């Protein structure tokens, strides 16, 4: 496929770019700086673009098969709502203008449900630093859930996502946080990237939120 990837140089975007190229897709990688350090490939084009600008999204998405957004604000350094909700609005509007229907976007874990039915972000021990991000991600998910003319999928990671090996193994679920036998919820950036690419390739989980974890 020909895929536009917003946020291609980030912790999630970089391994996702590599995963797409590994599988033979043609990638237009969109970053703030217009480059992805140390990554060159004949099927890769890198450009600048603003994911919160619907006109820019439309122009970049045109003639592509799908859009993948791995954009997130720098925690504590940027306005979470402006970036996350702004991106959701622009992606919805921009894809409609471009006539592209398939969208896979990264999400947050804060709005996932625990076994008791409460949201992860409502736990008293939820980190204060991440609260604004979680609230913005929840608002963005509500926006997507009101969209019925695009084939969107919102992919929430585990409660903890970070550096780690690429195993190719993960589990998926719907709106409930996934944990292992010890109660831990985690996934590596590399395996989250695999899940994102699996989702865009399979064409499944249309107009749904899913979550992935070990």
N, C-alpha and C. Protein backbone atom coordinates (compact mmCIF):
# COMPACT_ATOMS: atom_id res chain seq x y z
N UNK A 1 0.83 -1.20 0.00
CA UNK A 1 0.00 0.00 0.00
C UNK A 1 0.87 1.26 0.00
N UNK A 2 0.27 2.35 -0.39
CA UNK A 2 0.89 3.67 -0.24
C UNK A 2 0.30 4.30 1.02
N UNK A 3 1.16 4.56 1.99
CA UNK A 3 0.69 4.98 3.30
C UNK A 3 1.37 6.27 3.73
N UNK A 4 0.59 7.22 4.23
CA UNK A 4 1.11 8.42 4.86
C UNK A 4 1.22 8.16 6.36
N UNK A 5 2.40 8.43 6.92
CA UNK A 5 2.60 8.23 8.35
C UNK A 5 2.98 9.55 9.00
N UNK A 6 2.10 10.08 9.83
CA UNK A 6 2.38 11.31 10.57
C UNK A 6 3.11 10.94 11.87
N UNK A 7 4.11 11.75 12.22
CA UNK A 7 4.88 11.48 13.43
C UNK A 7 5.90 10.39 13.23
N UNK A 8 6.51 10.35 12.05
CA UNK A 8 7.35 9.22 11.66
C UNK A 8 8.68 9.13 12.40
N UNK A 9 9.10 10.18 13.08
CA UNK A 9 10.41 10.15 13.73
C UNK A 9 10.33 9.91 15.23
N UNK A 10 9.13 9.76 15.79
CA UNK A 10 8.97 9.60 17.22
C UNK A 10 9.26 8.20 17.72
N UNK A 11 9.09 8.00 19.02
CA UNK A 11 9.35 6.70 19.63
C UNK A 11 8.49 5.60 19.04
N UNK A 12 7.27 5.94 18.66
CA UNK A 12 6.37 4.98 18.02
C UNK A 12 6.47 5.08 16.50
N UNK A 13 6.56 6.29 15.99
CA UNK A 13 6.58 6.48 14.55
C UNK A 13 7.79 5.88 13.86
N UNK A 14 8.95 5.98 14.49
CA UNK A 14 10.18 5.45 13.86
C UNK A 14 10.09 3.93 13.66
N UNK A 15 9.79 3.13 14.69
CA UNK A 15 9.68 1.69 14.44
C UNK A 15 8.51 1.33 13.52
N UNK A 16 7.47 2.16 13.52
CA UNK A 16 6.35 1.90 12.61
C UNK A 16 6.77 2.14 11.16
N UNK A 17 7.53 3.20 10.93
CA UNK A 17 8.07 3.45 9.60
C UNK A 17 8.91 2.27 9.13
N UNK A 18 9.79 1.81 10.01
CA UNK A 18 10.66 0.68 9.66
C UNK A 18 9.85 -0.58 9.39
N UNK A 19 8.80 -0.81 10.16
CA UNK A 19 7.97 -2.00 9.99
C UNK A 19 7.23 -1.95 8.65
N UNK A 20 6.70 -0.79 8.30
CA UNK A 20 6.01 -0.64 7.02
C UNK A 20 6.96 -0.92 5.86
N UNK A 21 8.17 -0.35 5.93
CA UNK A 21 9.14 -0.56 4.86
C UNK A 21 9.58 -2.02 4.80
N UNK A 22 9.74 -2.63 5.96
CA UNK A 22 10.14 -4.04 6.01
C UNK A 22 9.13 -4.92 5.28
N UNK A 23 7.87 -4.52 5.30
CA UNK A 23 6.82 -5.32 4.68
C UNK A 23 6.51 -4.93 3.24
N UNK A 24 7.26 -3.99 2.71
CA UNK A 24 7.12 -3.67 1.30
C UNK A 24 6.16 -2.55 0.95
N UNK A 25 5.74 -1.77 1.95
CA UNK A 25 4.84 -0.66 1.66
C UNK A 25 5.63 0.58 1.21
N UNK A 26 4.97 1.46 0.51
CA UNK A 26 5.53 2.75 0.14
C UNK A 26 5.07 3.77 1.16
N UNK A 27 6.02 4.49 1.76
CA UNK A 27 5.71 5.34 2.91
C UNK A 27 6.05 6.80 2.63
N UNK A 28 5.09 7.68 2.87
CA UNK A 28 5.35 9.11 2.95
C UNK A 28 5.39 9.46 4.42
N UNK A 29 6.58 9.70 4.92
CA UNK A 29 6.79 9.95 6.35
C UNK A 29 6.75 11.45 6.61
N UNK A 30 5.85 11.86 7.50
CA UNK A 30 5.67 13.27 7.80
C UNK A 30 6.21 13.55 9.19
N UNK A 31 7.14 14.51 9.28
CA UNK A 31 7.73 14.90 10.56
C UNK A 31 7.77 16.42 10.66
N UNK A 32 8.02 16.90 11.85
CA UNK A 32 8.12 18.36 12.03
C UNK A 32 9.35 18.91 11.34
N UNK A 33 10.45 18.15 11.40
CA UNK A 33 11.73 18.64 10.86
C UNK A 33 11.94 18.26 9.40
N UNK A 34 11.13 17.34 8.88
CA UNK A 34 11.27 16.94 7.49
C UNK A 34 12.34 15.89 7.26
N UNK A 35 12.73 15.18 8.31
CA UNK A 35 13.70 14.09 8.13
C UNK A 35 13.53 13.07 9.24
N UNK A 36 13.97 11.85 8.96
CA UNK A 36 14.02 10.78 9.95
C UNK A 36 15.48 10.35 10.02
N UNK A 37 16.16 10.72 11.07
CA UNK A 37 17.61 10.51 11.16
C UNK A 37 18.01 9.06 10.91
N UNK A 38 18.97 8.89 10.00
CA UNK A 38 19.56 7.59 9.78
C UNK A 38 18.70 6.60 9.03
N UNK A 39 17.60 7.03 8.47
CA UNK A 39 16.72 6.10 7.77
C UNK A 39 16.55 6.53 6.32
N UNK A 40 17.00 5.67 5.42
CA UNK A 40 16.84 5.90 3.99
C UNK A 40 16.34 4.62 3.35
N UNK A 41 15.47 4.76 2.37
CA UNK A 41 14.91 3.59 1.70
C UNK A 41 14.30 4.06 0.39
N UNK A 42 14.38 3.22 -0.62
CA UNK A 42 13.86 3.61 -1.93
C UNK A 42 12.35 3.82 -1.92
N UNK A 43 11.65 3.21 -0.96
CA UNK A 43 10.20 3.35 -0.87
C UNK A 43 9.77 4.39 0.15
N UNK A 44 10.74 5.18 0.63
CA UNK A 44 10.46 6.18 1.67
C UNK A 44 10.64 7.59 1.14
N UNK A 45 9.62 8.42 1.34
CA UNK A 45 9.71 9.86 1.08
C UNK A 45 9.43 10.57 2.40
N UNK A 46 10.29 11.50 2.78
CA UNK A 46 10.13 12.22 4.04
C UNK A 46 9.83 13.67 3.74
N UNK A 47 8.84 14.22 4.44
CA UNK A 47 8.43 15.60 4.20
C UNK A 47 7.95 16.22 5.51
N UNK A 48 7.76 17.53 5.49
CA UNK A 48 7.19 18.22 6.64
C UNK A 48 5.68 18.35 6.47
N UNK A 49 4.99 18.51 7.58
CA UNK A 49 3.54 18.68 7.52
C UNK A 49 2.97 18.84 8.91
N UNK A 50 1.84 19.52 8.99
CA UNK A 50 1.17 19.78 10.25
C UNK A 50 -0.09 18.93 10.34
N UNK A 51 -0.09 17.96 11.22
CA UNK A 51 -1.22 17.04 11.35
C UNK A 51 -2.45 17.71 11.95
N UNK A 52 -2.30 18.91 12.49
CA UNK A 52 -3.46 19.64 13.02
C UNK A 52 -4.07 20.59 11.99
N UNK A 53 -3.56 20.56 10.76
CA UNK A 53 -4.04 21.40 9.67
C UNK A 53 -4.75 20.50 8.65
N UNK A 54 -6.07 20.61 8.56
CA UNK A 54 -6.85 19.72 7.70
C UNK A 54 -6.44 19.84 6.23
N UNK A 55 -6.13 21.05 5.77
CA UNK A 55 -5.72 21.22 4.38
C UNK A 55 -4.40 20.51 4.11
N UNK A 56 -3.48 20.60 5.06
CA UNK A 56 -2.19 19.91 4.91
C UNK A 56 -2.39 18.40 4.91
N UNK A 57 -3.25 17.91 5.79
CA UNK A 57 -3.55 16.48 5.84
C UNK A 57 -4.13 16.02 4.50
N UNK A 58 -5.08 16.79 3.98
CA UNK A 58 -5.72 16.42 2.71
C UNK A 58 -4.71 16.36 1.58
N UNK A 59 -3.83 17.36 1.52
CA UNK A 59 -2.83 17.39 0.45
C UNK A 59 -1.87 16.22 0.52
N UNK A 60 -1.47 15.85 1.72
CA UNK A 60 -0.53 14.75 1.89
C UNK A 60 -1.20 13.39 1.67
N UNK A 61 -2.46 13.28 2.08
CA UNK A 61 -3.16 11.99 1.99
C UNK A 61 -3.61 11.67 0.57
N UNK A 62 -3.80 12.67 -0.24
CA UNK A 62 -4.28 12.44 -1.61
C UNK A 62 -3.41 11.44 -2.34
N UNK A 63 -4.05 10.53 -3.03
CA UNK A 63 -3.42 9.47 -3.84
C UNK A 63 -2.78 8.37 -3.01
N UNK A 64 -3.01 8.36 -1.71
CA UNK A 64 -2.52 7.28 -0.85
C UNK A 64 -3.68 6.35 -0.50
N UNK A 65 -3.32 5.15 -0.08
CA UNK A 65 -4.35 4.16 0.27
C UNK A 65 -4.82 4.28 1.72
N UNK A 66 -3.96 4.79 2.58
CA UNK A 66 -4.29 4.84 3.99
C UNK A 66 -3.42 5.87 4.70
N UNK A 67 -3.86 6.25 5.88
CA UNK A 67 -3.11 7.18 6.73
C UNK A 67 -2.92 6.53 8.10
N UNK A 68 -1.72 6.67 8.63
CA UNK A 68 -1.43 6.19 9.97
C UNK A 68 -0.88 7.36 10.76
N UNK A 69 -1.47 7.63 11.91
CA UNK A 69 -1.00 8.74 12.75
C UNK A 69 -0.36 8.21 14.01
N UNK A 70 0.92 8.56 14.19
CA UNK A 70 1.65 8.20 15.40
C UNK A 70 2.07 9.48 16.14
N UNK A 71 1.25 10.50 16.03
CA UNK A 71 1.57 11.80 16.59
C UNK A 71 1.13 11.90 18.04
N UNK A 72 2.00 12.43 18.87
CA UNK A 72 1.66 12.71 20.25
C UNK A 72 2.49 13.88 20.75
N UNK A 73 1.97 14.65 21.69
CA UNK A 73 2.73 15.79 22.20
C UNK A 73 3.88 15.36 23.10
N UNK A 74 4.85 16.22 23.24
CA UNK A 74 5.92 15.99 24.21
C UNK A 74 5.35 16.26 25.60
N UNK A 75 5.28 15.23 26.41
CA UNK A 75 4.63 15.34 27.72
C UNK A 75 5.28 16.43 28.56
N UNK A 76 4.43 17.33 29.06
CA UNK A 76 4.92 18.41 29.90
C UNK A 76 5.51 19.57 29.14
N UNK A 77 5.59 19.46 27.83
CA UNK A 77 6.20 20.53 27.03
C UNK A 77 5.23 21.17 26.05
N UNK A 78 4.12 20.52 25.78
CA UNK A 78 3.19 21.01 24.78
C UNK A 78 1.76 20.90 25.29
N UNK A 79 0.86 21.58 24.61
CA UNK A 79 -0.56 21.51 24.96
C UNK A 79 -1.13 20.20 24.43
N UNK A 80 -1.43 19.28 25.35
CA UNK A 80 -1.89 17.96 24.95
C UNK A 80 -3.17 18.03 24.11
N UNK A 81 -4.13 18.82 24.57
CA UNK A 81 -5.41 18.87 23.87
C UNK A 81 -5.26 19.47 22.47
N UNK A 82 -4.47 20.53 22.35
CA UNK A 82 -4.29 21.18 21.05
C UNK A 82 -3.70 20.20 20.04
N UNK A 83 -2.75 19.39 20.49
CA UNK A 83 -2.12 18.44 19.58
C UNK A 83 -3.01 17.24 19.30
N UNK A 84 -3.53 16.62 20.34
CA UNK A 84 -4.25 15.35 20.16
C UNK A 84 -5.64 15.56 19.56
N UNK A 85 -6.41 16.46 20.15
CA UNK A 85 -7.75 16.71 19.63
C UNK A 85 -7.66 17.47 18.31
N UNK A 86 -6.71 18.39 18.23
CA UNK A 86 -6.51 19.11 16.97
C UNK A 86 -6.16 18.17 15.83
N UNK A 87 -5.32 17.18 16.11
CA UNK A 87 -4.96 16.19 15.09
C UNK A 87 -6.17 15.36 14.70
N UNK A 88 -6.96 14.94 15.67
CA UNK A 88 -8.15 14.13 15.35
C UNK A 88 -9.10 14.88 14.44
N UNK A 89 -9.36 16.13 14.76
CA UNK A 89 -10.28 16.93 13.93
C UNK A 89 -9.72 17.09 12.51
N UNK A 90 -8.43 17.41 12.42
CA UNK A 90 -7.82 17.64 11.11
C UNK A 90 -7.73 16.35 10.29
N UNK A 91 -7.45 15.23 10.94
CA UNK A 91 -7.39 13.96 10.22
C UNK A 91 -8.76 13.59 9.67
N UNK A 92 -9.79 13.76 10.46
CA UNK A 92 -11.15 13.45 10.00
C UNK A 92 -11.52 14.33 8.80
N UNK A 93 -11.31 15.63 8.95
CA UNK A 93 -11.66 16.57 7.88
C UNK A 93 -10.77 16.35 6.66
N UNK A 94 -9.47 16.20 6.90
CA UNK A 94 -8.53 16.07 5.80
C UNK A 94 -8.73 14.81 4.98
N UNK A 95 -8.99 13.69 5.64
CA UNK A 95 -9.22 12.45 4.90
C UNK A 95 -10.49 12.52 4.08
N UNK A 96 -11.51 13.18 4.63
CA UNK A 96 -12.74 13.37 3.85
C UNK A 96 -12.46 14.18 2.59
N UNK A 97 -11.70 15.24 2.73
CA UNK A 97 -11.38 16.07 1.57
C UNK A 97 -10.57 15.30 0.54
N UNK A 98 -9.66 14.44 1.00
CA UNK A 98 -8.79 13.69 0.10
C UNK A 98 -9.45 12.46 -0.51
N UNK A 99 -10.59 12.05 0.06
CA UNK A 99 -11.26 10.86 -0.43
C UNK A 99 -10.58 9.58 0.01
N UNK A 100 -9.81 9.65 1.10
CA UNK A 100 -9.13 8.48 1.67
C UNK A 100 -9.93 8.05 2.89
N UNK A 101 -10.28 6.79 2.96
CA UNK A 101 -11.17 6.35 4.04
C UNK A 101 -10.47 5.62 5.18
N UNK A 102 -9.28 5.05 4.92
CA UNK A 102 -8.66 4.21 5.95
C UNK A 102 -7.70 5.01 6.83
N UNK A 103 -7.94 4.96 8.14
CA UNK A 103 -7.12 5.67 9.12
C UNK A 103 -6.87 4.77 10.32
N UNK A 104 -5.60 4.61 10.68
CA UNK A 104 -5.22 3.96 11.93
C UNK A 104 -4.46 4.98 12.76
N UNK A 105 -4.86 5.17 13.99
CA UNK A 105 -4.22 6.16 14.84
C UNK A 105 -3.86 5.59 16.20
N UNK A 106 -2.73 6.04 16.72
CA UNK A 106 -2.37 5.64 18.07
C UNK A 106 -3.31 6.33 19.05
N UNK A 107 -3.52 5.69 20.18
CA UNK A 107 -4.38 6.27 21.21
C UNK A 107 -3.71 6.20 22.56
N UNK A 108 -4.49 6.41 23.60
CA UNK A 108 -3.97 6.34 24.95
C UNK A 108 -4.58 5.18 25.71
N UNK A 109 -3.94 4.81 26.81
CA UNK A 109 -4.45 3.73 27.65
C UNK A 109 -5.35 4.24 28.77
N UNK A 110 -5.35 5.54 29.01
CA UNK A 110 -6.07 6.09 30.16
C UNK A 110 -7.57 5.87 30.13
N UNK A 111 -8.15 5.81 28.93
CA UNK A 111 -9.61 5.63 28.83
C UNK A 111 -10.02 4.17 28.78
N UNK A 112 -9.05 3.25 28.80
CA UNK A 112 -9.39 1.83 28.87
C UNK A 112 -10.06 1.51 30.20
N UNK A 113 -10.85 0.46 30.21
CA UNK A 113 -11.56 0.06 31.42
C UNK A 113 -10.78 -1.00 32.19
N UNK A 114 -10.82 -0.91 33.49
CA UNK A 114 -10.25 -1.95 34.34
C UNK A 114 -11.30 -3.05 34.53
N UNK A 115 -10.93 -4.17 35.13
CA UNK A 115 -11.91 -5.24 35.36
C UNK A 115 -13.13 -4.80 36.18
N UNK A 116 -12.97 -3.73 36.97
CA UNK A 116 -14.10 -3.24 37.77
C UNK A 116 -15.00 -2.30 36.99
N UNK A 117 -14.57 -1.94 35.76
CA UNK A 117 -15.38 -1.06 34.92
C UNK A 117 -15.00 0.40 34.97
N UNK A 118 -14.08 0.77 35.85
CA UNK A 118 -13.63 2.16 35.92
C UNK A 118 -12.54 2.42 34.89
N UNK A 119 -12.36 3.66 34.55
CA UNK A 119 -11.30 4.01 33.60
C UNK A 119 -9.95 4.00 34.30
N UNK A 120 -8.92 3.61 33.56
CA UNK A 120 -7.57 3.60 34.11
C UNK A 120 -7.19 4.97 34.64
N UNK A 121 -7.54 6.02 33.92
CA UNK A 121 -7.16 7.38 34.29
C UNK A 121 -7.88 7.88 35.54
N UNK A 122 -8.93 7.19 35.98
CA UNK A 122 -9.66 7.62 37.18
C UNK A 122 -9.10 7.00 38.46
N UNK A 123 -8.09 6.16 38.32
CA UNK A 123 -7.44 5.60 39.51
C UNK A 123 -6.71 6.71 40.26
N UNK A 124 -6.82 6.77 41.58
CA UNK A 124 -6.14 7.83 42.34
C UNK A 124 -4.63 7.85 42.15
N UNK A 125 -4.07 6.70 41.77
CA UNK A 125 -2.62 6.62 41.59
C UNK A 125 -2.18 6.90 40.15
N UNK A 126 -3.13 7.25 39.29
CA UNK A 126 -2.76 7.57 37.90
C UNK A 126 -1.83 8.78 37.92
N UNK A 127 -0.69 8.72 37.19
CA UNK A 127 0.28 9.82 37.24
C UNK A 127 -0.30 11.16 36.79
N UNK A 128 -0.13 12.15 37.62
CA UNK A 128 -0.67 13.49 37.31
C UNK A 128 -0.09 14.04 36.01
N UNK A 129 1.17 13.70 35.73
CA UNK A 129 1.84 14.21 34.53
C UNK A 129 1.13 13.75 33.27
N UNK A 130 0.46 12.59 33.31
CA UNK A 130 -0.17 12.03 32.13
C UNK A 130 -1.66 12.32 32.05
N UNK A 131 -2.22 13.01 33.06
CA UNK A 131 -3.67 13.19 33.11
C UNK A 131 -4.20 14.02 31.93
N UNK A 132 -3.54 15.12 31.62
CA UNK A 132 -4.01 15.96 30.50
C UNK A 132 -3.95 15.20 29.19
N UNK A 133 -2.91 14.40 29.01
CA UNK A 133 -2.79 13.59 27.80
C UNK A 133 -3.93 12.58 27.72
N UNK A 134 -4.20 11.91 28.85
CA UNK A 134 -5.25 10.89 28.86
C UNK A 134 -6.62 11.50 28.58
N UNK A 135 -6.87 12.67 29.16
CA UNK A 135 -8.16 13.34 28.92
C UNK A 135 -8.30 13.74 27.46
N UNK A 136 -7.21 14.23 26.86
CA UNK A 136 -7.25 14.62 25.45
C UNK A 136 -7.44 13.40 24.55
N UNK A 137 -6.78 12.29 24.87
CA UNK A 137 -6.95 11.07 24.09
C UNK A 137 -8.38 10.55 24.19
N UNK A 138 -8.97 10.67 25.37
CA UNK A 138 -10.36 10.23 25.54
C UNK A 138 -11.31 11.10 24.70
N UNK A 139 -11.05 12.40 24.66
CA UNK A 139 -11.87 13.30 23.85
C UNK A 139 -11.72 12.98 22.37
N UNK A 140 -10.49 12.68 21.94
CA UNK A 140 -10.27 12.33 20.54
C UNK A 140 -11.01 11.04 20.18
N UNK A 141 -10.98 10.06 21.08
CA UNK A 141 -11.70 8.82 20.83
C UNK A 141 -13.19 9.07 20.67
N UNK A 142 -13.74 9.95 21.48
CA UNK A 142 -15.16 10.28 21.36
C UNK A 142 -15.45 10.90 19.99
N UNK A 143 -14.52 11.72 19.50
CA UNK A 143 -14.69 12.31 18.16
C UNK A 143 -14.74 11.21 17.10
N UNK A 144 -13.80 10.30 17.16
CA UNK A 144 -13.77 9.21 16.17
C UNK A 144 -15.03 8.36 16.24
N UNK A 145 -15.51 8.13 17.44
CA UNK A 145 -16.71 7.29 17.58
C UNK A 145 -17.95 7.93 16.97
N UNK A 146 -17.88 9.22 16.69
CA UNK A 146 -18.98 9.89 16.01
C UNK A 146 -18.83 9.90 14.50
N UNK A 147 -17.77 9.28 13.98
CA UNK A 147 -17.48 9.28 12.54
C UNK A 147 -17.88 7.94 11.94
N UNK A 148 -18.77 7.99 10.94
CA UNK A 148 -19.29 6.76 10.34
C UNK A 148 -18.98 6.64 8.85
N UNK A 149 -18.24 7.63 8.31
CA UNK A 149 -17.92 7.58 6.89
C UNK A 149 -16.44 7.34 6.63
N UNK A 150 -15.66 7.09 7.68
CA UNK A 150 -14.26 6.73 7.54
C UNK A 150 -14.02 5.40 8.23
N UNK A 151 -13.08 4.63 7.70
CA UNK A 151 -12.74 3.33 8.30
C UNK A 151 -11.58 3.51 9.27
N UNK A 152 -11.88 4.12 10.41
CA UNK A 152 -10.86 4.42 11.39
C UNK A 152 -10.69 3.28 12.40
N UNK A 153 -9.49 3.18 12.95
CA UNK A 153 -9.21 2.29 14.07
C UNK A 153 -8.31 3.04 15.04
N UNK A 154 -8.69 3.04 16.30
CA UNK A 154 -7.95 3.72 17.36
C UNK A 154 -7.27 2.63 18.19
N UNK A 155 -5.94 2.66 18.23
CA UNK A 155 -5.19 1.57 18.87
C UNK A 155 -4.54 2.05 20.16
N UNK A 156 -5.07 1.60 21.28
CA UNK A 156 -4.50 1.96 22.58
C UNK A 156 -3.38 0.99 22.94
N UNK A 157 -2.28 1.49 23.48
CA UNK A 157 -1.21 0.60 23.92
C UNK A 157 -1.52 0.05 25.31
N UNK A 158 -0.60 -0.73 25.83
CA UNK A 158 -0.68 -1.16 27.22
C UNK A 158 -0.47 0.03 28.15
N UNK A 159 -0.65 -0.17 29.43
CA UNK A 159 -0.46 0.92 30.40
C UNK A 159 0.96 1.44 30.36
N UNK A 160 1.92 0.54 30.10
CA UNK A 160 3.33 0.92 30.02
C UNK A 160 3.85 0.54 28.65
N UNK A 161 4.40 1.52 27.93
CA UNK A 161 4.99 1.27 26.62
C UNK A 161 6.37 1.91 26.63
N UNK A 162 7.36 1.19 26.12
CA UNK A 162 8.71 1.72 26.15
C UNK A 162 9.65 0.90 25.29
N UNK A 163 10.94 1.18 25.43
CA UNK A 163 11.95 0.47 24.66
C UNK A 163 11.93 -1.01 25.02
N UNK A 164 12.25 -1.83 24.05
CA UNK A 164 12.26 -3.27 24.27
C UNK A 164 12.43 -4.00 22.97
N UNK A 165 12.54 -5.31 23.04
CA UNK A 165 12.80 -6.09 21.84
C UNK A 165 11.56 -6.22 20.95
N UNK A 166 11.82 -6.55 19.71
CA UNK A 166 10.76 -6.82 18.73
C UNK A 166 10.51 -8.32 18.74
N UNK A 167 9.44 -8.76 19.40
CA UNK A 167 9.15 -10.19 19.51
C UNK A 167 8.12 -10.66 18.50
N UNK A 168 7.26 -9.75 18.05
CA UNK A 168 6.18 -10.11 17.14
C UNK A 168 4.99 -10.74 17.85
N UNK A 169 5.06 -10.81 19.18
CA UNK A 169 3.98 -11.44 19.96
C UNK A 169 3.23 -10.37 20.76
N UNK A 170 1.93 -10.39 20.66
CA UNK A 170 1.09 -9.49 21.45
C UNK A 170 -0.32 -10.04 21.47
N UNK A 171 -1.11 -9.57 22.41
CA UNK A 171 -2.53 -9.90 22.47
C UNK A 171 -3.33 -8.64 22.19
N UNK A 172 -4.56 -8.80 21.74
CA UNK A 172 -5.41 -7.65 21.48
C UNK A 172 -6.77 -7.85 22.15
N UNK A 173 -7.40 -6.73 22.44
CA UNK A 173 -8.73 -6.75 23.06
C UNK A 173 -9.46 -5.48 22.64
N UNK A 174 -10.60 -5.23 23.28
CA UNK A 174 -11.40 -4.06 22.94
C UNK A 174 -11.12 -2.89 23.86
N UNK A 175 -12.06 -2.60 24.75
CA UNK A 175 -11.94 -1.42 25.61
C UNK A 175 -11.39 -1.73 27.00
N UNK A 176 -10.98 -2.96 27.25
CA UNK A 176 -10.50 -3.35 28.57
C UNK A 176 -8.99 -3.49 28.60
N UNK A 177 -8.36 -2.90 29.59
CA UNK A 177 -6.91 -2.98 29.75
C UNK A 177 -6.45 -4.43 29.85
N UNK A 178 -5.44 -4.78 29.07
CA UNK A 178 -4.88 -6.12 29.11
C UNK A 178 -3.73 -6.18 30.12
N UNK A 179 -3.72 -7.21 30.96
CA UNK A 179 -2.64 -7.42 31.91
C UNK A 179 -2.17 -8.87 31.83
N UNK A 180 -0.93 -9.11 32.29
CA UNK A 180 -0.43 -10.49 32.32
C UNK A 180 -0.81 -11.14 33.66
N UNK A 181 -0.30 -12.34 33.90
CA UNK A 181 -0.66 -13.08 35.10
C UNK A 181 -0.22 -12.38 36.38
N UNK A 182 0.77 -11.49 36.26
CA UNK A 182 1.26 -10.75 37.42
C UNK A 182 0.60 -9.38 37.57
N UNK A 183 -0.37 -9.10 36.69
CA UNK A 183 -1.05 -7.81 36.76
C UNK A 183 -0.37 -6.68 36.03
N UNK A 184 0.70 -7.00 35.29
CA UNK A 184 1.42 -5.97 34.55
C UNK A 184 0.81 -5.77 33.16
N UNK A 185 0.82 -4.53 32.70
CA UNK A 185 0.31 -4.19 31.37
C UNK A 185 1.40 -3.43 30.65
N UNK A 186 2.01 -4.09 29.65
CA UNK A 186 3.14 -3.44 28.97
C UNK A 186 3.28 -3.95 27.54
N UNK A 187 4.01 -3.19 26.75
CA UNK A 187 4.37 -3.58 25.39
C UNK A 187 5.54 -2.71 24.96
N UNK A 188 6.37 -3.22 24.08
CA UNK A 188 7.50 -2.44 23.56
C UNK A 188 7.02 -1.59 22.38
N UNK A 189 7.78 -0.52 22.12
CA UNK A 189 7.48 0.31 20.95
C UNK A 189 7.48 -0.55 19.68
N UNK A 190 8.44 -1.46 19.58
CA UNK A 190 8.59 -2.27 18.37
C UNK A 190 7.38 -3.19 18.15
N UNK A 191 6.90 -3.81 19.22
CA UNK A 191 5.75 -4.70 19.06
C UNK A 191 4.45 -3.92 18.90
N UNK A 192 4.38 -2.75 19.48
CA UNK A 192 3.21 -1.88 19.24
C UNK A 192 3.18 -1.48 17.76
N UNK A 193 4.36 -1.20 17.19
CA UNK A 193 4.44 -0.87 15.77
C UNK A 193 3.96 -2.04 14.91
N UNK A 194 4.33 -3.25 15.30
CA UNK A 194 3.85 -4.43 14.57
C UNK A 194 2.33 -4.50 14.60
N UNK A 195 1.75 -4.24 15.77
CA UNK A 195 0.29 -4.27 15.90
C UNK A 195 -0.37 -3.20 15.03
N UNK A 196 0.23 -2.03 14.96
CA UNK A 196 -0.32 -0.96 14.12
C UNK A 196 -0.32 -1.37 12.65
N UNK A 197 0.79 -1.94 12.20
CA UNK A 197 0.89 -2.33 10.80
C UNK A 197 -0.01 -3.54 10.51
N UNK A 198 -0.08 -4.47 11.44
CA UNK A 198 -1.02 -5.59 11.27
C UNK A 198 -2.44 -5.08 11.09
N UNK A 199 -2.80 -4.07 11.87
CA UNK A 199 -4.16 -3.51 11.82
C UNK A 199 -4.44 -2.85 10.49
N UNK A 200 -3.48 -2.08 10.00
CA UNK A 200 -3.73 -1.37 8.73
C UNK A 200 -3.71 -2.35 7.56
N UNK A 201 -2.93 -3.40 7.66
CA UNK A 201 -2.89 -4.39 6.58
C UNK A 201 -4.15 -5.27 6.56
N UNK A 202 -4.63 -5.65 7.72
CA UNK A 202 -5.75 -6.59 7.79
C UNK A 202 -7.09 -5.96 7.46
N UNK A 203 -7.18 -4.64 7.64
CA UNK A 203 -8.46 -3.97 7.40
C UNK A 203 -9.52 -4.34 8.41
N UNK A 204 -9.10 -4.79 9.58
CA UNK A 204 -10.05 -5.20 10.62
C UNK A 204 -10.23 -4.09 11.65
N UNK A 205 -11.09 -4.34 12.62
CA UNK A 205 -11.37 -3.39 13.71
C UNK A 205 -11.84 -2.04 13.17
N UNK A 206 -12.70 -2.09 12.17
CA UNK A 206 -13.18 -0.86 11.55
C UNK A 206 -14.14 -0.14 12.48
N UNK A 207 -13.89 1.18 12.62
CA UNK A 207 -14.67 2.06 13.51
C UNK A 207 -14.75 1.48 14.92
N UNK A 208 -13.59 1.06 15.41
CA UNK A 208 -13.49 0.50 16.76
C UNK A 208 -12.20 0.95 17.41
N UNK A 209 -12.19 0.93 18.75
CA UNK A 209 -10.96 1.05 19.52
C UNK A 209 -10.51 -0.36 19.90
N UNK A 210 -9.23 -0.63 19.74
CA UNK A 210 -8.67 -1.86 20.24
C UNK A 210 -7.48 -1.52 21.12
N UNK A 211 -7.04 -2.47 21.91
CA UNK A 211 -5.83 -2.29 22.70
C UNK A 211 -4.94 -3.50 22.50
N UNK A 212 -3.64 -3.30 22.63
CA UNK A 212 -2.67 -4.38 22.45
C UNK A 212 -1.67 -4.36 23.61
N UNK A 213 -1.27 -5.55 24.03
CA UNK A 213 -0.31 -5.69 25.13
C UNK A 213 0.21 -7.12 25.11
N UNK A 214 1.22 -7.39 25.93
CA UNK A 214 1.72 -8.76 26.07
C UNK A 214 0.75 -9.59 26.90
